[in-house]
Protein backbone atom coordinates (compact mmCIF):
# COMPACT_ATOMS: atom_id res chain seq x y z
CA UNK A 1 0.00 0.00 0.00
CA UNK A 2 1.15 3.51 -0.83
CA UNK A 3 0.15 6.66 1.06
CA UNK A 4 0.48 10.14 -0.40
CA UNK A 5 -0.38 13.40 1.38
CA UNK A 6 -1.13 16.74 -0.23
CA UNK A 7 -2.14 20.15 1.08
CA UNK A 8 -5.17 21.69 -0.58
CA UNK A 9 -5.31 25.17 0.98
CA UNK A 10 -8.38 26.37 -0.95
CA UNK A 11 -10.85 24.00 0.72
CA UNK A 12 -13.28 25.82 2.99
CA UNK A 13 -16.42 23.67 3.33
CA UNK A 14 -18.01 20.26 3.12
CA UNK A 15 -18.75 20.73 -0.58
CA UNK A 16 -15.03 21.26 -1.15
CA UNK A 17 -14.12 18.03 0.60
CA UNK A 18 -16.78 16.14 -1.35
CA UNK A 19 -15.56 17.49 -4.68
CA UNK A 20 -11.94 16.56 -3.92
CA UNK A 21 -12.90 13.14 -2.58
CA UNK A 22 -15.07 12.37 -5.61
CA UNK A 23 -12.34 13.26 -8.12
CA UNK A 24 -9.59 11.38 -6.29
CA UNK A 25 -11.78 8.30 -5.87
CA UNK A 26 -11.99 8.01 -9.66
CA UNK A 27 -8.23 7.34 -9.96
CA UNK A 28 -7.37 3.71 -10.68
CA UNK A 29 -5.69 2.10 -7.71
CA UNK A 30 -6.91 4.59 -5.09
CA UNK A 31 -8.44 2.64 -2.21
CA UNK A 32 -9.08 5.41 0.34
CA UNK A 33 -9.29 9.21 0.39
CA UNK A 34 -9.17 11.03 3.73
CA UNK A 35 -9.78 14.79 3.62
CA UNK A 36 -9.19 16.87 6.75
CA UNK A 37 -10.81 20.24 6.19
CA UNK A 38 -9.29 21.82 9.30
CA UNK A 39 -5.66 21.05 8.36
CA UNK A 40 -6.38 21.24 4.60
CA UNK A 41 -4.62 17.88 4.18
CA UNK A 42 -5.67 15.13 1.81
CA UNK A 43 -4.30 11.64 2.37
CA UNK A 44 -4.63 9.11 -0.41
CA UNK A 45 -4.05 5.40 0.02
CA UNK A 46 -3.58 3.21 -3.02
CA UNK A 47 -2.76 -0.40 -3.74
CA UNK A 48 -0.25 0.71 -6.40
CA UNK A 49 1.96 3.77 -6.76
CA UNK A 50 -0.04 6.58 -8.37
CA UNK A 51 1.81 9.25 -10.34
CA UNK A 52 1.58 12.47 -8.31
CA UNK A 53 0.67 14.43 -11.45
CA UNK A 54 -2.50 12.35 -11.85
CA UNK A 55 -3.45 13.27 -8.28
CA UNK A 56 -2.66 16.96 -8.83
CA UNK A 57 -4.74 16.92 -12.03
CA UNK A 58 -7.70 15.32 -10.22
CA UNK A 59 -7.56 17.95 -7.48
CA UNK A 60 -7.37 20.62 -10.19
CA UNK A 61 -10.42 19.07 -11.86
CA UNK A 62 -12.25 19.49 -8.55
CA UNK A 63 -11.40 23.21 -8.69
CA UNK A 64 -8.48 23.35 -6.27
CA UNK A 65 -4.70 23.57 -6.25
CA UNK A 66 -2.64 20.86 -4.53
CA UNK A 67 0.67 21.33 -2.77
CA UNK A 68 2.86 18.29 -2.07
CA UNK A 69 3.42 18.07 1.69
PDB file of N, CA and C in Angstrom:
ATOM      1  N   UNK A   1       0.834  -1.176   0.000  1.00  0.00           N
ATOM      2  CA  UNK A   1       0.000   0.000   0.000  1.00  0.00           C
ATOM      3  C   UNK A   1       0.882   1.243   0.000  1.00  0.00           C
ATOM      4  N   UNK A   2       0.442   2.248  -0.732  1.00  0.00           N
ATOM      5  CA  UNK A   2       1.152   3.513  -0.832  1.00  0.00           C
ATOM      6  C   UNK A   2       0.273   4.619  -0.266  1.00  0.00           C
ATOM      7  N   UNK A   3       0.871   5.511   0.519  1.00  0.00           N
ATOM      8  CA  UNK A   3       0.150   6.657   1.064  1.00  0.00           C
ATOM      9  C   UNK A   3       0.809   7.936   0.573  1.00  0.00           C
ATOM     10  N   UNK A   4       0.001   8.855   0.084  1.00  0.00           N
ATOM     11  CA  UNK A   4       0.479  10.145  -0.405  1.00  0.00           C
ATOM     12  C   UNK A   4      -0.346  11.231   0.274  1.00  0.00           C
ATOM     13  N   UNK A   5       0.324  12.294   0.719  1.00  0.00           N
ATOM     14  CA  UNK A   5      -0.379  13.396   1.379  1.00  0.00           C
ATOM     15  C   UNK A   5      -0.125  14.698   0.624  1.00  0.00           C
ATOM     16  N   UNK A   6      -1.199  15.447   0.430  1.00  0.00           N
ATOM     17  CA  UNK A   6      -1.129  16.744  -0.230  1.00  0.00           C
ATOM     18  C   UNK A   6      -1.822  17.772   0.636  1.00  0.00           C
ATOM     19  N   UNK A   7      -1.410  19.022   0.505  1.00  0.00           N
ATOM     20  CA  UNK A   7      -2.138  20.151   1.081  1.00  0.00           C
ATOM     21  C   UNK A   7      -3.026  20.722  -0.014  1.00  0.00           C
ATOM     22  N   UNK A   8      -4.249  21.046   0.344  1.00  0.00           N
ATOM     23  CA  UNK A   8      -5.174  21.689  -0.585  1.00  0.00           C
ATOM     24  C   UNK A   8      -5.736  22.911   0.148  1.00  0.00           C
ATOM     25  N   UNK A   9      -4.971  24.008   0.145  1.00  0.00           N
ATOM     26  CA  UNK A   9      -5.307  25.166   0.978  1.00  0.00           C
ATOM     27  C   UNK A   9      -6.614  25.862   0.629  1.00  0.00           C
ATOM     28  N   UNK A  10      -7.161  25.667  -0.545  1.00  0.00           N
ATOM     29  CA  UNK A  10      -8.376  26.375  -0.945  1.00  0.00           C
ATOM     30  C   UNK A  10      -9.670  25.774  -0.422  1.00  0.00           C
ATOM     31  N   UNK A  11      -9.619  24.631   0.218  1.00  0.00           N
ATOM     32  CA  UNK A  11     -10.845  23.998   0.721  1.00  0.00           C
ATOM     33  C   UNK A  11     -11.381  24.771   1.926  1.00  0.00           C
ATOM     34  N   UNK A  12     -12.695  25.053   1.896  1.00  0.00           N
ATOM     35  CA  UNK A  12     -13.281  25.822   2.986  1.00  0.00           C
ATOM     36  C   UNK A  12     -14.576  25.227   3.541  1.00  0.00           C
ATOM     37  N   UNK A  13     -15.116  24.183   2.891  1.00  0.00           N
ATOM     38  CA  UNK A  13     -16.424  23.675   3.333  1.00  0.00           C
ATOM     39  C   UNK A  13     -16.593  22.198   2.985  1.00  0.00           C
ATOM     40  N   UNK A  14     -17.710  21.648   3.391  1.00  0.00           N
ATOM     41  CA  UNK A  14     -18.014  20.256   3.116  1.00  0.00           C
ATOM     42  C   UNK A  14     -18.141  19.962   1.629  1.00  0.00           C
ATOM     43  N   UNK A  15     -18.661  20.915   0.867  1.00  0.00           N
ATOM     44  CA  UNK A  15     -18.754  20.728  -0.584  1.00  0.00           C
ATOM     45  C   UNK A  15     -17.362  20.578  -1.182  1.00  0.00           C
ATOM     46  N   UNK A  16     -16.416  21.355  -0.685  1.00  0.00           N
ATOM     47  CA  UNK A  16     -15.032  21.264  -1.155  1.00  0.00           C
ATOM     48  C   UNK A  16     -14.462  19.861  -0.924  1.00  0.00           C
ATOM     49  N   UNK A  17     -14.655  19.356   0.279  1.00  0.00           N
ATOM     50  CA  UNK A  17     -14.121  18.030   0.602  1.00  0.00           C
ATOM     51  C   UNK A  17     -14.786  16.962  -0.254  1.00  0.00           C
ATOM     52  N   UNK A  18     -16.074  17.099  -0.504  1.00  0.00           N
ATOM     53  CA  UNK A  18     -16.780  16.135  -1.351  1.00  0.00           C
ATOM     54  C   UNK A  18     -16.258  16.164  -2.785  1.00  0.00           C
ATOM     55  N   UNK A  19     -16.046  17.356  -3.307  1.00  0.00           N
ATOM     56  CA  UNK A  19     -15.558  17.492  -4.684  1.00  0.00           C
ATOM     57  C   UNK A  19     -14.174  16.857  -4.830  1.00  0.00           C
ATOM     58  N   UNK A  20     -13.293  17.121  -3.878  1.00  0.00           N
ATOM     59  CA  UNK A  20     -11.943  16.563  -3.923  1.00  0.00           C
ATOM     60  C   UNK A  20     -11.992  15.048  -3.761  1.00  0.00           C
ATOM     61  N   UNK A  21     -12.773  14.574  -2.806  1.00  0.00           N
ATOM     62  CA  UNK A  21     -12.898  13.137  -2.578  1.00  0.00           C
ATOM     63  C   UNK A  21     -13.441  12.430  -3.814  1.00  0.00           C
ATOM     64  N   UNK A  22     -14.467  12.987  -4.428  1.00  0.00           N
ATOM     65  CA  UNK A  22     -15.070  12.373  -5.611  1.00  0.00           C
ATOM     66  C   UNK A  22     -14.061  12.246  -6.750  1.00  0.00           C
ATOM     67  N   UNK A  23     -13.312  13.302  -7.023  1.00  0.00           N
ATOM     68  CA  UNK A  23     -12.342  13.259  -8.122  1.00  0.00           C
ATOM     69  C   UNK A  23     -11.206  12.270  -7.838  1.00  0.00           C
ATOM     70  N   UNK A  24     -10.699  12.277  -6.615  1.00  0.00           N
ATOM     71  CA  UNK A  24      -9.593  11.380  -6.286  1.00  0.00           C
ATOM     72  C   UNK A  24     -10.032   9.923  -6.272  1.00  0.00           C
ATOM     73  N   UNK A  25     -11.270   9.672  -5.910  1.00  0.00           N
ATOM     74  CA  UNK A  25     -11.779   8.302  -5.865  1.00  0.00           C
ATOM     75  C   UNK A  25     -11.895   7.674  -7.248  1.00  0.00           C
ATOM     76  N   UNK A  26     -11.896   8.496  -8.281  1.00  0.00           N
ATOM     77  CA  UNK A  26     -11.985   8.006  -9.663  1.00  0.00           C
ATOM     78  C   UNK A  26     -10.653   7.453 -10.177  1.00  0.00           C
ATOM     79  N   UNK A  27      -9.566   7.754  -9.496  1.00  0.00           N
ATOM     80  CA  UNK A  27      -8.235   7.338  -9.961  1.00  0.00           C
ATOM     81  C   UNK A  27      -8.058   5.838  -9.738  1.00  0.00           C
ATOM     82  N   UNK A  28      -7.631   5.137 -10.787  1.00  0.00           N
ATOM     83  CA  UNK A  28      -7.372   3.706 -10.682  1.00  0.00           C
ATOM     84  C   UNK A  28      -6.322   3.427  -9.623  1.00  0.00           C
ATOM     85  N   UNK A  29      -6.623   2.490  -8.747  1.00  0.00           N
ATOM     86  CA  UNK A  29      -5.686   2.096  -7.710  1.00  0.00           C
ATOM     87  C   UNK A  29      -5.910   2.768  -6.369  1.00  0.00           C
ATOM     88  N   UNK A  30      -6.641   3.890  -6.354  1.00  0.00           N
ATOM     89  CA  UNK A  30      -6.906   4.589  -5.094  1.00  0.00           C
ATOM     90  C   UNK A  30      -7.926   3.778  -4.296  1.00  0.00           C
ATOM     91  N   UNK A  31      -7.571   3.458  -3.057  1.00  0.00           N
ATOM     92  CA  UNK A  31      -8.444   2.645  -2.207  1.00  0.00           C
ATOM     93  C   UNK A  31      -9.106   3.453  -1.096  1.00  0.00           C
ATOM     94  N   UNK A  32      -8.510   4.599  -0.736  1.00  0.00           N
ATOM     95  CA  UNK A  32      -9.076   5.411   0.337  1.00  0.00           C
ATOM     96  C   UNK A  32      -8.642   6.862   0.169  1.00  0.00           C
ATOM     97  N   UNK A  33      -9.580   7.769   0.421  1.00  0.00           N
ATOM     98  CA  UNK A  33      -9.290   9.207   0.395  1.00  0.00           C
ATOM     99  C   UNK A  33      -9.750   9.766   1.728  1.00  0.00           C
ATOM    100  N   UNK A  34      -8.848  10.436   2.434  1.00  0.00           N
ATOM    101  CA  UNK A  34      -9.170  11.034   3.728  1.00  0.00           C
ATOM    102  C   UNK A  34      -8.873  12.527   3.641  1.00  0.00           C
ATOM    103  N   UNK A  35      -9.927  13.336   3.719  1.00  0.00           N
ATOM    104  CA  UNK A  35      -9.784  14.790   3.616  1.00  0.00           C
ATOM    105  C   UNK A  35     -10.025  15.395   4.991  1.00  0.00           C
ATOM    106  N   UNK A  36      -9.056  16.169   5.475  1.00  0.00           N
ATOM    107  CA  UNK A  36      -9.188  16.867   6.753  1.00  0.00           C
ATOM    108  C   UNK A  36      -9.317  18.351   6.454  1.00  0.00           C
ATOM    109  N   UNK A  37     -10.535  18.845   6.548  1.00  0.00           N
ATOM    110  CA  UNK A  37     -10.809  20.242   6.191  1.00  0.00           C
ATOM    111  C   UNK A  37     -10.058  21.219   7.085  1.00  0.00           C
ATOM    112  N   UNK A  38      -9.943  20.912   8.365  1.00  0.00           N
ATOM    113  CA  UNK A  38      -9.286  21.821   9.302  1.00  0.00           C
ATOM    114  C   UNK A  38      -7.807  22.037   8.961  1.00  0.00           C
ATOM    115  N   UNK A  39      -7.097  20.945   8.678  1.00  0.00           N
ATOM    116  CA  UNK A  39      -5.664  21.052   8.364  1.00  0.00           C
ATOM    117  C   UNK A  39      -5.413  21.270   6.879  1.00  0.00           C
ATOM    118  N   UNK A  40      -6.468  21.110   6.066  1.00  0.00           N
ATOM    119  CA  UNK A  40      -6.383  21.244   4.603  1.00  0.00           C
ATOM    120  C   UNK A  40      -5.546  20.130   3.985  1.00  0.00           C
ATOM    121  N   UNK A  41      -5.419  19.000   4.681  1.00  0.00           N
ATOM    122  CA  UNK A  41      -4.617  17.879   4.176  1.00  0.00           C
ATOM    123  C   UNK A  41      -5.509  16.813   3.563  1.00  0.00           C
ATOM    124  N   UNK A  42      -5.002  16.236   2.485  1.00  0.00           N
ATOM    125  CA  UNK A  42      -5.670  15.131   1.813  1.00  0.00           C
ATOM    126  C   UNK A  42      -4.698  13.959   1.793  1.00  0.00           C
ATOM    127  N   UNK A  43      -5.130  12.844   2.359  1.00  0.00           N
ATOM    128  CA  UNK A  43      -4.303  11.640   2.375  1.00  0.00           C
ATOM    129  C   UNK A  43      -4.950  10.615   1.456  1.00  0.00           C
ATOM    130  N   UNK A  44      -4.146  10.081   0.563  1.00  0.00           N
ATOM    131  CA  UNK A  44      -4.631   9.111  -0.411  1.00  0.00           C
ATOM    132  C   UNK A  44      -3.895   7.805  -0.199  1.00  0.00           C
ATOM    133  N   UNK A  45      -4.649   6.725  -0.065  1.00  0.00           N
ATOM    134  CA  UNK A  45      -4.054   5.397   0.021  1.00  0.00           C
ATOM    135  C   UNK A  45      -4.374   4.675  -1.277  1.00  0.00           C
ATOM    136  N   UNK A  46      -3.384   3.943  -1.776  1.00  0.00           N
ATOM    137  CA  UNK A  46      -3.585   3.208  -3.024  1.00  0.00           C
ATOM    138  C   UNK A  46      -2.876   1.866  -2.948  1.00  0.00           C
ATOM    139  N   UNK A  47      -3.379   0.914  -3.736  1.00  0.00           N
ATOM    140  CA  UNK A  47      -2.761  -0.399  -3.738  1.00  0.00           C
ATOM    141  C   UNK A  47      -1.597  -0.482  -4.716  1.00  0.00           C
ATOM    142  N   UNK A  48      -1.403   0.572  -5.500  1.00  0.00           N
ATOM    143  CA  UNK A  48      -0.252   0.711  -6.401  1.00  0.00           C
ATOM    144  C   UNK A  48       0.228   2.156  -6.324  1.00  0.00           C
ATOM    145  N   UNK A  49       1.451   2.396  -6.727  1.00  0.00           N
ATOM    146  CA  UNK A  49       1.958   3.772  -6.758  1.00  0.00           C
ATOM    147  C   UNK A  49       1.190   4.553  -7.828  1.00  0.00           C
ATOM    148  N   UNK A  50       0.700   5.721  -7.448  1.00  0.00           N
ATOM    149  CA  UNK A  50      -0.036   6.576  -8.371  1.00  0.00           C
ATOM    150  C   UNK A  50       0.831   7.796  -8.651  1.00  0.00           C
ATOM    151  N   UNK A  51       1.010   8.095  -9.925  1.00  0.00           N
ATOM    152  CA  UNK A  51       1.809   9.255 -10.335  1.00  0.00           C
ATOM    153  C   UNK A  51       1.218  10.504  -9.687  1.00  0.00           C
ATOM    154  N   UNK A  52       2.070  11.286  -9.023  1.00  0.00           N
ATOM    155  CA  UNK A  52       1.580  12.472  -8.308  1.00  0.00           C
ATOM    156  C   UNK A  52       0.889  13.448  -9.234  1.00  0.00           C
ATOM    157  N   UNK A  53       1.294  13.492 -10.512  1.00  0.00           N
ATOM    158  CA  UNK A  53       0.669  14.430 -11.447  1.00  0.00           C
ATOM    159  C   UNK A  53      -0.789  14.064 -11.704  1.00  0.00           C
ATOM    160  N   UNK A  54      -1.115  12.784 -11.688  1.00  0.00           N
ATOM    161  CA  UNK A  54      -2.503  12.351 -11.850  1.00  0.00           C
ATOM    162  C   UNK A  54      -3.328  12.851 -10.669  1.00  0.00           C
ATOM    163  N   UNK A  55      -2.759  12.793  -9.480  1.00  0.00           N
ATOM    164  CA  UNK A  55      -3.447  13.273  -8.281  1.00  0.00           C
ATOM    165  C   UNK A  55      -3.640  14.780  -8.347  1.00  0.00           C
ATOM    166  N   UNK A  56      -2.583  15.494  -8.708  1.00  0.00           N
ATOM    167  CA  UNK A  56      -2.663  16.957  -8.828  1.00  0.00           C
ATOM    168  C   UNK A  56      -3.717  17.344  -9.863  1.00  0.00           C
ATOM    169  N   UNK A  57      -3.753  16.625 -10.987  1.00  0.00           N
ATOM    170  CA  UNK A  57      -4.736  16.918 -12.030  1.00  0.00           C
ATOM    171  C   UNK A  57      -6.163  16.673 -11.541  1.00  0.00           C
ATOM    172  N   UNK A  58      -6.366  15.621 -10.755  1.00  0.00           N
ATOM    173  CA  UNK A  58      -7.696  15.319 -10.219  1.00  0.00           C
ATOM    174  C   UNK A  58      -8.145  16.416  -9.246  1.00  0.00           C
ATOM    175  N   UNK A  59      -7.230  16.874  -8.414  1.00  0.00           N
ATOM    176  CA  UNK A  59      -7.562  17.951  -7.478  1.00  0.00           C
ATOM    177  C   UNK A  59      -7.864  19.235  -8.255  1.00  0.00           C
ATOM    178  N   UNK A  60      -7.110  19.477  -9.315  1.00  0.00           N
ATOM    179  CA  UNK A  60      -7.368  20.624 -10.187  1.00  0.00           C
ATOM    180  C   UNK A  60      -8.752  20.508 -10.833  1.00  0.00           C
ATOM    181  N   UNK A  61      -9.098  19.310 -11.255  1.00  0.00           N
ATOM    182  CA  UNK A  61     -10.416  19.071 -11.857  1.00  0.00           C
ATOM    183  C   UNK A  61     -11.543  19.385 -10.878  1.00  0.00           C
ATOM    184  N   UNK A  62     -11.272  19.173  -9.592  1.00  0.00           N
ATOM    185  CA  UNK A  62     -12.254  19.490  -8.546  1.00  0.00           C
ATOM    186  C   UNK A  62     -12.318  20.996  -8.265  1.00  0.00           C
ATOM    187  N   UNK A  63     -11.380  21.759  -8.842  1.00  0.00           N
ATOM    188  CA  UNK A  63     -11.402  23.210  -8.692  1.00  0.00           C
ATOM    189  C   UNK A  63     -10.432  23.756  -7.672  1.00  0.00           C
ATOM    190  N   UNK A  64      -9.423  22.947  -7.308  1.00  0.00           N
ATOM    191  CA  UNK A  64      -8.476  23.353  -6.272  1.00  0.00           C
ATOM    192  C   UNK A  64      -7.043  23.128  -6.720  1.00  0.00           C
ATOM    193  N   UNK A  65      -6.119  23.732  -5.986  1.00  0.00           N
ATOM    194  CA  UNK A  65      -4.697  23.569  -6.250  1.00  0.00           C
ATOM    195  C   UNK A  65      -4.088  22.730  -5.132  1.00  0.00           C
ATOM    196  N   UNK A  66      -3.292  21.739  -5.511  1.00  0.00           N
ATOM    197  CA  UNK A  66      -2.643  20.859  -4.534  1.00  0.00           C
ATOM    198  C   UNK A  66      -1.203  21.276  -4.348  1.00  0.00           C
ATOM    199  N   UNK A  67      -0.720  21.065  -3.118  1.00  0.00           N
ATOM    200  CA  UNK A  67       0.667  21.329  -2.769  1.00  0.00           C
ATOM    201  C   UNK A  67       1.194  20.052  -2.132  1.00  0.00           C
ATOM    202  N   UNK A  68       2.289  19.514  -2.643  1.00  0.00           N
ATOM    203  CA  UNK A  68       2.855  18.295  -2.072  1.00  0.00           C
ATOM    204  C   UNK A  68       3.371  18.627  -0.677  1.00  0.00           C
ATOM    205  N   UNK A  69       2.973  17.819   0.318  1.00  0.00           N
ATOM    206  CA  UNK A  69       3.419  18.074   1.689  1.00  0.00           C
ATOM    207  C   UNK A  69       4.374  17.009   2.162  1.00  0.00           C
TER     208      UNK A  69
END
